Structure formats: structure tokens, C-alpha cells
Amino acid sequence: MNFIKTVPTKVLLTAILAAVSYTTHASGADEPSGSSVTIRYDDLNLSVPADVASLKQRVSRAAEQVCADQYGSDPIGRTLWQSCVRRTTEKTLAQVKWPEK
């Protein structure tokens, strides 16, 4: 059984990534500014560990994409990019509606 197959669920993470990037950029943190990526996860069953791992990987890849253009390739830029990816991934996953156990 798949977890919540609705249109809002399909675009939920897009809104989350966009909101995270807007609010953190406005506060001057090392987060993306105004970019967003759609992450579909209506094909995943979030009560299955392998599907949870797939979702986390999708969110991490999307965070990498959203953060990509924000920083240069020098060591400081790379460090800021890694921080951006980590924080964006954590904030996005924290807002996922996980199934009740």
C-alpha cells in the first residue's frame, strides 16, 4: 500500500524546498535562494525502510540541485554548498508526513 497518493503530496516537497530556501536566504543563512525542485514520492511506501532510503536520496539530490548555483568551487564555497545541502535535506525531511507506527 502506498502512502497518501494525492496531488498535494506530489508537490509537497517542492513547496517545502522553496519555502526553506526563501526563509533561510532572507535570514542570511547559507541556504539556497528561491530555487525549487519537485520531488515525487507517491510511488513509495514510507513504512518500508528501502523506500524511506529512496526518499532520503531523492531529497538529498534535489537539495544538491537547489544549492548548486549558490556557491563557487573554491574550498569555502564547497563547504558552504555541503552545509546548504545538509540543512535543506534535514529541513525538508522534517516536514514529510511520515506514516504512523
PDB file of N, CA and C in Angstrom:
ATOM      1  N   MET A   1       0.843  -1.183   0.000  1.00  0.00           N
ATOM      2  CA  MET A   1       0.000   0.000   0.000  1.00  0.00           C
ATOM      3  C   MET A   1       0.884   1.240   0.000  1.00  0.00           C
ATOM      4  N   ASN A   2       0.631   2.127  -0.934  1.00  0.00           N
ATOM      5  CA  ASN A   2       1.425   3.359  -0.996  1.00  0.00           C
ATOM      6  C   ASN A   2       0.873   4.398  -0.033  1.00  0.00           C
ATOM      7  N   PHE A   3       1.754   5.228   0.443  1.00  0.00           N
ATOM      8  CA  PHE A   3       1.414   6.257   1.417  1.00  0.00           C
ATOM      9  C   PHE A   3       0.860   7.481   0.712  1.00  0.00           C
ATOM     10  N   ILE A   4      -0.345   7.878   1.002  1.00  0.00           N
ATOM     11  CA  ILE A   4      -1.021   9.077   0.538  1.00  0.00           C
ATOM     12  C   ILE A   4      -0.679   9.436  -0.908  1.00  0.00           C
ATOM     13  N   LYS A   5      -1.530   9.045  -1.816  1.00  0.00           N
ATOM     14  CA  LYS A   5      -1.328   9.362  -3.229  1.00  0.00           C
ATOM     15  C   LYS A   5      -2.253  10.516  -3.611  1.00  0.00           C
ATOM     16  N   THR A   6      -1.853  11.719  -3.335  1.00  0.00           N
ATOM     17  CA  THR A   6      -2.651  12.873  -3.683  1.00  0.00           C
ATOM     18  C   THR A   6      -1.778  13.882  -4.403  1.00  0.00           C
ATOM     19  N   VAL A   7      -2.389  14.752  -5.150  1.00  0.00           N
ATOM     20  CA  VAL A   7      -1.637  15.795  -5.849  1.00  0.00           C
ATOM     21  C   VAL A   7      -0.863  16.661  -4.865  1.00  0.00           C
ATOM     22  N   PRO A   8      -1.446  17.081  -3.737  1.00  0.00           N
ATOM     23  CA  PRO A   8      -0.657  17.880  -2.798  1.00  0.00           C
ATOM     24  C   PRO A   8       0.595  17.151  -2.310  1.00  0.00           C
ATOM     25  N   THR A   9       0.512  15.839  -2.130  1.00  0.00           N
ATOM     26  CA  THR A   9       1.684  15.088  -1.693  1.00  0.00           C
ATOM     27  C   THR A   9       2.773  15.121  -2.757  1.00  0.00           C
ATOM     28  N   LYS A  10       2.383  15.037  -4.015  1.00  0.00           N
ATOM     29  CA  LYS A  10       3.346  15.015  -5.106  1.00  0.00           C
ATOM     30  C   LYS A  10       4.153  16.298  -5.172  1.00  0.00           C
ATOM     31  N   VAL A  11       3.533  17.394  -4.839  1.00  0.00           N
ATOM     32  CA  VAL A  11       4.230  18.676  -4.931  1.00  0.00           C
ATOM     33  C   VAL A  11       4.595  19.248  -3.569  1.00  0.00           C
ATOM     34  N   LEU A  12       4.324  18.504  -2.524  1.00  0.00           N
ATOM     35  CA  LEU A  12       4.599  18.974  -1.173  1.00  0.00           C
ATOM     36  C   LEU A  12       6.058  19.356  -0.989  1.00  0.00           C
ATOM     37  N   LEU A  13       6.963  18.506  -1.423  1.00  0.00           N
ATOM     38  CA  LEU A  13       8.371  18.784  -1.194  1.00  0.00           C
ATOM     39  C   LEU A  13       8.871  19.952  -2.034  1.00  0.00           C
ATOM     40  N   THR A  14       8.243  20.219  -3.176  1.00  0.00           N
ATOM     41  CA  THR A  14       8.599  21.413  -3.941  1.00  0.00           C
ATOM     42  C   THR A  14       8.335  22.647  -3.104  1.00  0.00           C
ATOM     43  N   ALA A  15       7.168  22.691  -2.510  1.00  0.00           N
ATOM     44  CA  ALA A  15       6.814  23.840  -1.676  1.00  0.00           C
ATOM     45  C   ALA A  15       7.738  23.939  -0.474  1.00  0.00           C
ATOM     46  N   ILE A  16       8.082  22.793   0.103  1.00  0.00           N
ATOM     47  CA  ILE A  16       8.957  22.801   1.269  1.00  0.00           C
ATOM     48  C   ILE A  16      10.335  23.319   0.894  1.00  0.00           C
ATOM     49  N   LEU A  17      10.905  22.799  -0.195  1.00  0.00           N
ATOM     50  CA  LEU A  17      12.230  23.263  -0.617  1.00  0.00           C
ATOM     51  C   LEU A  17      12.209  24.749  -0.953  1.00  0.00           C
ATOM     52  N   ALA A  18      11.162  25.196  -1.620  1.00  0.00           N
ATOM     53  CA  ALA A  18      11.068  26.614  -1.954  1.00  0.00           C
ATOM     54  C   ALA A  18      10.941  27.460  -0.694  1.00  0.00           C
ATOM     55  N   ALA A  19      10.116  27.013   0.244  1.00  0.00           N
ATOM     56  CA  ALA A  19       9.936  27.774   1.492  1.00  0.00           C
ATOM     57  C   ALA A  19      11.216  27.795   2.306  1.00  0.00           C
ATOM     58  N   VAL A  20      11.884  26.664   2.391  1.00  0.00           N
ATOM     59  CA  VAL A  20      13.142  26.608   3.138  1.00  0.00           C
ATOM     60  C   VAL A  20      14.156  27.537   2.503  1.00  0.00           C
ATOM     61  N   SER A  21      14.231  27.509   1.177  1.00  0.00           N
ATOM     62  CA  SER A  21      15.229  28.346   0.510  1.00  0.00           C
ATOM     63  C   SER A  21      14.892  29.828   0.666  1.00  0.00           C
ATOM     64  N   TYR A  22      13.613  30.188   0.641  1.00  0.00           N
ATOM     65  CA  TYR A  22      13.239  31.588   0.780  1.00  0.00           C
ATOM     66  C   TYR A  22      13.495  32.093   2.198  1.00  0.00           C
ATOM     67  N   THR A  23      13.030  31.349   3.187  1.00  0.00           N
ATOM     68  CA  THR A  23      13.145  31.833   4.562  1.00  0.00           C
ATOM     69  C   THR A  23      14.582  31.865   5.041  1.00  0.00           C
ATOM     70  N   THR A  24      15.372  30.880   4.660  1.00  0.00           N
ATOM     71  CA  THR A  24      16.746  30.877   5.130  1.00  0.00           C
ATOM     72  C   THR A  24      17.596  31.888   4.382  1.00  0.00           C
ATOM     73  N   HIS A  25      17.297  32.120   3.118  1.00  0.00           N
ATOM     74  CA  HIS A  25      18.051  33.140   2.386  1.00  0.00           C
ATOM     75  C   HIS A  25      17.744  34.528   2.945  1.00  0.00           C
ATOM     76  N   ALA A  26      16.480  34.741   3.268  1.00  0.00           N
ATOM     77  CA  ALA A  26      16.089  36.034   3.822  1.00  0.00           C
ATOM     78  C   ALA A  26      16.777  36.299   5.158  1.00  0.00           C
ATOM     79  N   SER A  27      17.088  35.221   5.880  1.00  0.00           N
ATOM     80  CA  SER A  27      17.737  35.402   7.177  1.00  0.00           C
ATOM     81  C   SER A  27      19.257  35.455   7.060  1.00  0.00           C
ATOM     82  N   GLY A  28      19.785  35.301   5.846  1.00  0.00           N
ATOM     83  CA  GLY A  28      21.221  35.391   5.635  1.00  0.00           C
ATOM     84  C   GLY A  28      21.959  34.096   5.882  1.00  0.00           C
ATOM     85  N   ALA A  29      21.248  32.997   6.077  1.00  0.00           N
ATOM     86  CA  ALA A  29      21.899  31.704   6.310  1.00  0.00           C
ATOM     87  C   ALA A  29      22.455  31.164   5.005  1.00  0.00           C
ATOM     88  N   ASP A  30      23.234  30.097   5.110  1.00  0.00           N
ATOM     89  CA  ASP A  30      23.857  29.534   3.917  1.00  0.00           C
ATOM     90  C   ASP A  30      22.929  28.539   3.230  1.00  0.00           C
ATOM     91  N   GLU A  31      21.805  29.012   2.776  1.00  0.00           N
ATOM     92  CA  GLU A  31      20.812  28.182   2.118  1.00  0.00           C
ATOM     93  C   GLU A  31      20.519  28.739   0.732  1.00  0.00           C
ATOM     94  N   PRO A  32      19.876  27.945  -0.122  1.00  0.00           N
ATOM     95  CA  PRO A  32      19.567  28.382  -1.480  1.00  0.00           C
ATOM     96  C   PRO A  32      18.570  29.528  -1.510  1.00  0.00           C
ATOM     97  N   SER A  33      18.609  30.300  -2.582  1.00  0.00           N
ATOM     98  CA  SER A  33      17.708  31.446  -2.669  1.00  0.00           C
ATOM     99  C   SER A  33      16.708  31.280  -3.804  1.00  0.00           C
ATOM    100  N   GLY A  34      15.469  30.976  -3.442  1.00  0.00           N
ATOM    101  CA  GLY A  34      14.376  30.975  -4.386  1.00  0.00           C
ATOM    102  C   GLY A  34      14.309  29.824  -5.368  1.00  0.00           C
ATOM    103  N   SER A  35      15.176  28.854  -5.329  1.00  0.00           N
ATOM    104  CA  SER A  35      15.131  27.715  -6.231  1.00  0.00           C
ATOM    105  C   SER A  35      14.238  26.639  -5.641  1.00  0.00           C
ATOM    106  N   SER A  36      13.685  25.813  -6.516  1.00  0.00           N
ATOM    107  CA  SER A  36      12.896  24.686  -6.025  1.00  0.00           C
ATOM    108  C   SER A  36      12.989  23.533  -7.017  1.00  0.00           C
ATOM    109  N   VAL A  37      12.741  22.350  -6.520  1.00  0.00           N
ATOM    110  CA  VAL A  37      12.758  21.132  -7.312  1.00  0.00           C
ATOM    111  C   VAL A  37      11.569  20.305  -6.865  1.00  0.00           C
ATOM    112  N   THR A  38      10.866  19.691  -7.812  1.00  0.00           N
ATOM    113  CA  THR A  38       9.755  18.819  -7.469  1.00  0.00           C
ATOM    114  C   THR A  38      10.284  17.430  -7.167  1.00  0.00           C
ATOM    115  N   ILE A  39       9.884  16.899  -6.036  1.00  0.00           N
ATOM    116  CA  ILE A  39      10.283  15.553  -5.642  1.00  0.00           C
ATOM    117  C   ILE A  39       9.017  14.722  -5.504  1.00  0.00           C
ATOM    118  N   ARG A  40       8.875  13.754  -6.374  1.00  0.00           N
ATOM    119  CA  ARG A  40       7.713  12.865  -6.287  1.00  0.00           C
ATOM    120  C   ARG A  40       8.054  11.701  -5.388  1.00  0.00           C
ATOM    121  N   TYR A  41       7.117  11.357  -4.531  1.00  0.00           N
ATOM    122  CA  TYR A  41       7.315  10.174  -3.707  1.00  0.00           C
ATOM    123  C   TYR A  41       6.014   9.412  -3.503  1.00  0.00           C
ATOM    124  N   ASP A  42       5.058   9.650  -4.386  1.00  0.00           N
ATOM    125  CA  ASP A  42       3.788   8.940  -4.309  1.00  0.00           C
ATOM    126  C   ASP A  42       3.938   7.467  -4.684  1.00  0.00           C
ATOM    127  N   ASP A  43       5.073   7.099  -5.271  1.00  0.00           N
ATOM    128  CA  ASP A  43       5.334   5.710  -5.627  1.00  0.00           C
ATOM    129  C   ASP A  43       6.007   4.936  -4.494  1.00  0.00           C
ATOM    130  N   LEU A  44       6.281   5.605  -3.387  1.00  0.00           N
ATOM    131  CA  LEU A  44       6.990   4.982  -2.275  1.00  0.00           C
ATOM    132  C   LEU A  44       6.043   4.641  -1.133  1.00  0.00           C
ATOM    133  N   ASN A  45       6.350   3.571  -0.437  1.00  0.00           N
ATOM    134  CA  ASN A  45       5.635   3.186   0.770  1.00  0.00           C
ATOM    135  C   ASN A  45       6.559   3.543   1.931  1.00  0.00           C
ATOM    136  N   LEU A  46       6.273   4.604   2.629  1.00  0.00           N
ATOM    137  CA  LEU A  46       7.173   5.111   3.657  1.00  0.00           C
ATOM    138  C   LEU A  46       7.194   4.291   4.938  1.00  0.00           C
ATOM    139  N   SER A  47       6.507   3.168   4.938  1.00  0.00           N
ATOM    140  CA  SER A  47       6.633   2.245   6.067  1.00  0.00           C
ATOM    141  C   SER A  47       7.634   1.135   5.734  1.00  0.00           C
ATOM    142  N   VAL A  48       8.222   1.197   4.547  1.00  0.00           N
ATOM    143  CA  VAL A  48       9.233   0.224   4.109  1.00  0.00           C
ATOM    144  C   VAL A  48      10.600   0.916   4.154  1.00  0.00           C
ATOM    145  N   PRO A  49      11.557   0.367   4.893  1.00  0.00           N
ATOM    146  CA  PRO A  49      12.873   1.012   5.029  1.00  0.00           C
ATOM    147  C   PRO A  49      13.569   1.334   3.699  1.00  0.00           C
ATOM    148  N   ALA A  50      13.457   0.462   2.720  1.00  0.00           N
ATOM    149  CA  ALA A  50      14.099   0.716   1.424  1.00  0.00           C
ATOM    150  C   ALA A  50      13.482   1.929   0.732  1.00  0.00           C
ATOM    151  N   ASP A  51      12.175   2.104   0.870  1.00  0.00           N
ATOM    152  CA  ASP A  51      11.509   3.260   0.271  1.00  0.00           C
ATOM    153  C   ASP A  51      11.842   4.542   1.021  1.00  0.00           C
ATOM    154  N   VAL A  52      12.017   4.455   2.330  1.00  0.00           N
ATOM    155  CA  VAL A  52      12.445   5.616   3.116  1.00  0.00           C
ATOM    156  C   VAL A  52      13.835   6.046   2.649  1.00  0.00           C
ATOM    157  N   ALA A  53      14.721   5.080   2.428  1.00  0.00           N
ATOM    158  CA  ALA A  53      16.062   5.384   1.934  1.00  0.00           C
ATOM    159  C   ALA A  53      15.998   6.039   0.557  1.00  0.00           C
ATOM    160  N   SER A  54      15.086   5.576  -0.292  1.00  0.00           N
ATOM    161  CA  SER A  54      14.905   6.177  -1.623  1.00  0.00           C
ATOM    162  C   SER A  54      14.444   7.622  -1.514  1.00  0.00           C
ATOM    163  N   LEU A  55      13.503   7.876  -0.602  1.00  0.00           N
ATOM    164  CA  LEU A  55      13.032   9.249  -0.412  1.00  0.00           C
ATOM    165  C   LEU A  55      14.169  10.145   0.057  1.00  0.00           C
ATOM    166  N   LYS A  56      14.937   9.672   1.023  1.00  0.00           N
ATOM    167  CA  LYS A  56      16.054  10.467   1.529  1.00  0.00           C
ATOM    168  C   LYS A  56      17.060  10.768   0.421  1.00  0.00           C
ATOM    169  N   GLN A  57      17.309   9.805  -0.435  1.00  0.00           N
ATOM    170  CA  GLN A  57      18.236  10.013  -1.543  1.00  0.00           C
ATOM    171  C   GLN A  57      17.668  11.034  -2.532  1.00  0.00           C
ATOM    172  N   ARG A  58      16.379  10.949  -2.825  1.00  0.00           N
ATOM    173  CA  ARG A  58      15.745  11.912  -3.732  1.00  0.00           C
ATOM    174  C   ARG A  58      15.824  13.327  -3.166  1.00  0.00           C
ATOM    175  N   VAL A  59      15.546  13.458  -1.877  1.00  0.00           N
ATOM    176  CA  VAL A  59      15.585  14.783  -1.234  1.00  0.00           C
ATOM    177  C   VAL A  59      17.012  15.325  -1.248  1.00  0.00           C
ATOM    178  N   SER A  60      17.974  14.475  -0.958  1.00  0.00           N
ATOM    179  CA  SER A  60      19.376  14.905  -0.959  1.00  0.00           C
ATOM    180  C   SER A  60      19.813  15.368  -2.351  1.00  0.00           C
ATOM    181  N   ARG A  61      19.436  14.621  -3.375  1.00  0.00           N
ATOM    182  CA  ARG A  61      19.776  15.019  -4.753  1.00  0.00           C
ATOM    183  C   ARG A  61      19.114  16.342  -5.132  1.00  0.00           C
ATOM    184  N   ALA A  62      17.870  16.502  -4.714  1.00  0.00           N
ATOM    185  CA  ALA A  62      17.173  17.754  -5.007  1.00  0.00           C
ATOM    186  C   ALA A  62      17.839  18.919  -4.274  1.00  0.00           C
ATOM    187  N   ALA A  63      18.243  18.690  -3.035  1.00  0.00           N
ATOM    188  CA  ALA A  63      18.938  19.733  -2.274  1.00  0.00           C
ATOM    189  C   ALA A  63      20.254  20.095  -2.955  1.00  0.00           C
ATOM    190  N   GLU A  64      20.972  19.095  -3.463  1.00  0.00           N
ATOM    191  CA  GLU A  64      22.212  19.364  -4.195  1.00  0.00           C
ATOM    192  C   GLU A  64      21.938  20.248  -5.402  1.00  0.00           C
ATOM    193  N   GLN A  65      20.867  19.953  -6.097  1.00  0.00           N
ATOM    194  CA  GLN A  65      20.492  20.718  -7.285  1.00  0.00           C
ATOM    195  C   GLN A  65      20.092  22.149  -6.920  1.00  0.00           C
ATOM    196  N   VAL A  66      19.304  22.293  -5.871  1.00  0.00           N
ATOM    197  CA  VAL A  66      18.846  23.613  -5.440  1.00  0.00           C
ATOM    198  C   VAL A  66      20.011  24.467  -4.945  1.00  0.00           C
ATOM    199  N   CYS A  67      20.959  23.843  -4.268  1.00  0.00           N
ATOM    200  CA  CYS A  67      22.100  24.573  -3.697  1.00  0.00           C
ATOM    201  C   CYS A  67      23.230  24.801  -4.703  1.00  0.00           C
ATOM    202  N   ALA A  68      23.204  24.105  -5.832  1.00  0.00           N
ATOM    203  CA  ALA A  68      24.328  24.059  -6.764  1.00  0.00           C
ATOM    204  C   ALA A  68      24.843  25.417  -7.222  1.00  0.00           C
ATOM    205  N   ASP A  69      23.974  26.301  -7.596  1.00  0.00           N
ATOM    206  CA  ASP A  69      24.411  27.568  -8.176  1.00  0.00           C
ATOM    207  C   ASP A  69      24.714  28.652  -7.146  1.00  0.00           C
ATOM    208  N   GLN A  70      24.611  28.326  -5.888  1.00  0.00           N
ATOM    209  CA  GLN A  70      24.765  29.341  -4.856  1.00  0.00           C
ATOM    210  C   GLN A  70      26.212  29.624  -4.474  1.00  0.00           C
ATOM    211  N   TYR A  71      27.102  28.652  -4.724  1.00  0.00           N
ATOM    212  CA  TYR A  71      28.458  28.773  -4.208  1.00  0.00           C
ATOM    213  C   TYR A  71      29.489  28.403  -5.262  1.00  0.00           C
ATOM    214  N   GLY A  72      30.667  28.990  -5.161  1.00  0.00           N
ATOM    215  CA  GLY A  72      31.757  28.721  -6.090  1.00  0.00           C
ATOM    216  C   GLY A  72      32.402  27.377  -5.828  1.00  0.00           C
ATOM    217  N   SER A  73      33.424  27.078  -6.611  1.00  0.00           N
ATOM    218  CA  SER A  73      34.079  25.783  -6.494  1.00  0.00           C
ATOM    219  C   SER A  73      35.319  25.827  -5.595  1.00  0.00           C
ATOM    220  N   ASP A  74      35.587  26.981  -4.990  1.00  0.00           N
ATOM    221  CA  ASP A  74      36.728  27.057  -4.078  1.00  0.00           C
ATOM    222  C   ASP A  74      36.399  26.306  -2.785  1.00  0.00           C
ATOM    223  N   PRO A  75      37.389  26.045  -1.941  1.00  0.00           N
ATOM    224  CA  PRO A  75      37.129  25.269  -0.718  1.00  0.00           C
ATOM    225  C   PRO A  75      36.048  25.856   0.192  1.00  0.00           C
ATOM    226  N   ILE A  76      35.996  27.158   0.315  1.00  0.00           N
ATOM    227  CA  ILE A  76      34.968  27.782   1.165  1.00  0.00           C
ATOM    228  C   ILE A  76      33.595  27.602   0.529  1.00  0.00           C
ATOM    229  N   GLY A  77      33.518  27.821  -0.782  1.00  0.00           N
ATOM    230  CA  GLY A  77      32.248  27.621  -1.484  1.00  0.00           C
ATOM    231  C   GLY A  77      31.768  26.185  -1.380  1.00  0.00           C
ATOM    232  N   ARG A  78      32.687  25.249  -1.478  1.00  0.00           N
ATOM    233  CA  ARG A  78      32.349  23.825  -1.365  1.00  0.00           C
ATOM    234  C   ARG A  78      31.810  23.513   0.037  1.00  0.00           C
ATOM    235  N   THR A  79      32.433  24.069   1.044  1.00  0.00           N
ATOM    236  CA  THR A  79      31.975  23.859   2.423  1.00  0.00           C
ATOM    237  C   THR A  79      30.580  24.444   2.624  1.00  0.00           C
ATOM    238  N   LEU A  80      30.352  25.641   2.096  1.00  0.00           N
ATOM    239  CA  LEU A  80      29.028  26.269   2.206  1.00  0.00           C
ATOM    240  C   LEU A  80      27.979  25.459   1.451  1.00  0.00           C
ATOM    241  N   TRP A  81      28.357  24.920   0.280  1.00  0.00           N
ATOM    242  CA  TRP A  81      27.444  24.094  -0.504  1.00  0.00           C
ATOM    243  C   TRP A  81      27.057  22.846   0.284  1.00  0.00           C
ATOM    244  N   GLN A  82      28.033  22.187   0.880  1.00  0.00           N
ATOM    245  CA  GLN A  82      27.756  20.981   1.663  1.00  0.00           C
ATOM    246  C   GLN A  82      26.824  21.295   2.835  1.00  0.00           C
ATOM    247  N   SER A  83      27.055  22.412   3.482  1.00  0.00           N
ATOM    248  CA  SER A  83      26.202  22.825   4.591  1.00  0.00           C
ATOM    249  C   SER A  83      24.782  23.106   4.099  1.00  0.00           C
ATOM    250  N   CYS A  84      24.678  23.764   2.968  1.00  0.00           N
ATOM    251  CA  CYS A  84      23.372  24.066   2.367  1.00  0.00           C
ATOM    252  C   CYS A  84      22.619  22.780   2.072  1.00  0.00           C
ATOM    253  N   VAL A  85      23.294  21.812   1.464  1.00  0.00           N
ATOM    254  CA  VAL A  85      22.665  20.535   1.120  1.00  0.00           C
ATOM    255  C   VAL A  85      22.195  19.816   2.385  1.00  0.00           C
ATOM    256  N   ARG A  86      23.046  19.764   3.397  1.00  0.00           N
ATOM    257  CA  ARG A  86      22.700  19.071   4.633  1.00  0.00           C
ATOM    258  C   ARG A  86      21.492  19.713   5.311  1.00  0.00           C
ATOM    259  N   ARG A  87      21.532  21.029   5.453  1.00  0.00           N
ATOM    260  CA  ARG A  87      20.431  21.724   6.141  1.00  0.00           C
ATOM    261  C   ARG A  87      19.133  21.660   5.349  1.00  0.00           C
ATOM    262  N   THR A  88      19.199  21.834   4.045  1.00  0.00           N
ATOM    263  CA  THR A  88      17.994  21.775   3.219  1.00  0.00           C
ATOM    264  C   THR A  88      17.389  20.381   3.260  1.00  0.00           C
ATOM    265  N   THR A  89      18.231  19.359   3.213  1.00  0.00           N
ATOM    266  CA  THR A  89      17.758  17.974   3.302  1.00  0.00           C
ATOM    267  C   THR A  89      17.086  17.726   4.648  1.00  0.00           C
ATOM    268  N   GLU A  90      17.730  18.128   5.724  1.00  0.00           N
ATOM    269  CA  GLU A  90      17.170  17.925   7.063  1.00  0.00           C
ATOM    270  C   GLU A  90      15.844  18.653   7.238  1.00  0.00           C
ATOM    271  N   LYS A  91      15.778  19.904   6.804  1.00  0.00           N
ATOM    272  CA  LYS A  91      14.550  20.689   6.966  1.00  0.00           C
ATOM    273  C   LYS A  91      13.412  20.122   6.122  1.00  0.00           C
ATOM    274  N   THR A  92      13.741  19.623   4.936  1.00  0.00           N
ATOM    275  CA  THR A  92      12.717  19.052   4.069  1.00  0.00           C
ATOM    276  C   THR A  92      12.190  17.750   4.651  1.00  0.00           C
ATOM    277  N   LEU A  93      13.080  16.862   5.055  1.00  0.00           N
ATOM    278  CA  LEU A  93      12.648  15.577   5.621  1.00  0.00           C
ATOM    279  C   LEU A  93      11.880  15.758   6.925  1.00  0.00           C
ATOM    280  N   ALA A  94      12.185  16.801   7.671  1.00  0.00           N
ATOM    281  CA  ALA A  94      11.469  17.050   8.918  1.00  0.00           C
ATOM    282  C   ALA A  94      10.007  17.396   8.683  1.00  0.00           C
ATOM    283  N   GLN A  95       9.679  17.823   7.470  1.00  0.00           N
ATOM    284  CA  GLN A  95       8.312  18.233   7.170  1.00  0.00           C
ATOM    285  C   GLN A  95       7.513  17.177   6.405  1.00  0.00           C
ATOM    286  N   VAL A  96       8.109  16.027   6.136  1.00  0.00           N
ATOM    287  CA  VAL A  96       7.405  14.941   5.456  1.00  0.00           C
ATOM    288  C   VAL A  96       6.387  14.345   6.422  1.00  0.00           C
ATOM    289  N   LYS A  97       5.214  14.022   5.889  1.00  0.00           N
ATOM    290  CA  LYS A  97       4.191  13.373   6.710  1.00  0.00           C
ATOM    291  C   LYS A  97       4.473  11.863   6.703  1.00  0.00           C
ATOM    292  N   TRP A  98       5.160  11.413   7.742  1.00  0.00           N
ATOM    293  CA  TRP A  98       5.536  10.017   7.855  1.00  0.00           C
ATOM    294  C   TRP A  98       4.325   9.214   8.346  1.00  0.00           C
ATOM    295  N   PRO A  99       4.210   7.937   7.912  1.00  0.00           N
ATOM    296  CA  PRO A  99       3.091   7.120   8.384  1.00  0.00           C
ATOM    297  C   PRO A  99       3.218   6.861   9.882  1.00  0.00           C
ATOM    298  N   GLU A 100       2.090   6.749  10.523  1.00  0.00           N
ATOM    299  CA  GLU A 100       2.076   6.466  11.958  1.00  0.00           C
ATOM    300  C   GLU A 100       2.462   5.020  12.183  1.00  0.00           C
ATOM    301  N   LYS A 101       3.189   4.782  13.257  1.00  0.00           N
ATOM    302  CA  LYS A 101       3.637   3.417  13.556  1.00  0.00           C
ATOM    303  C   LYS A 101       2.743   2.750  14.561  1.00  0.00           C
TER     304      LYS A 101
END
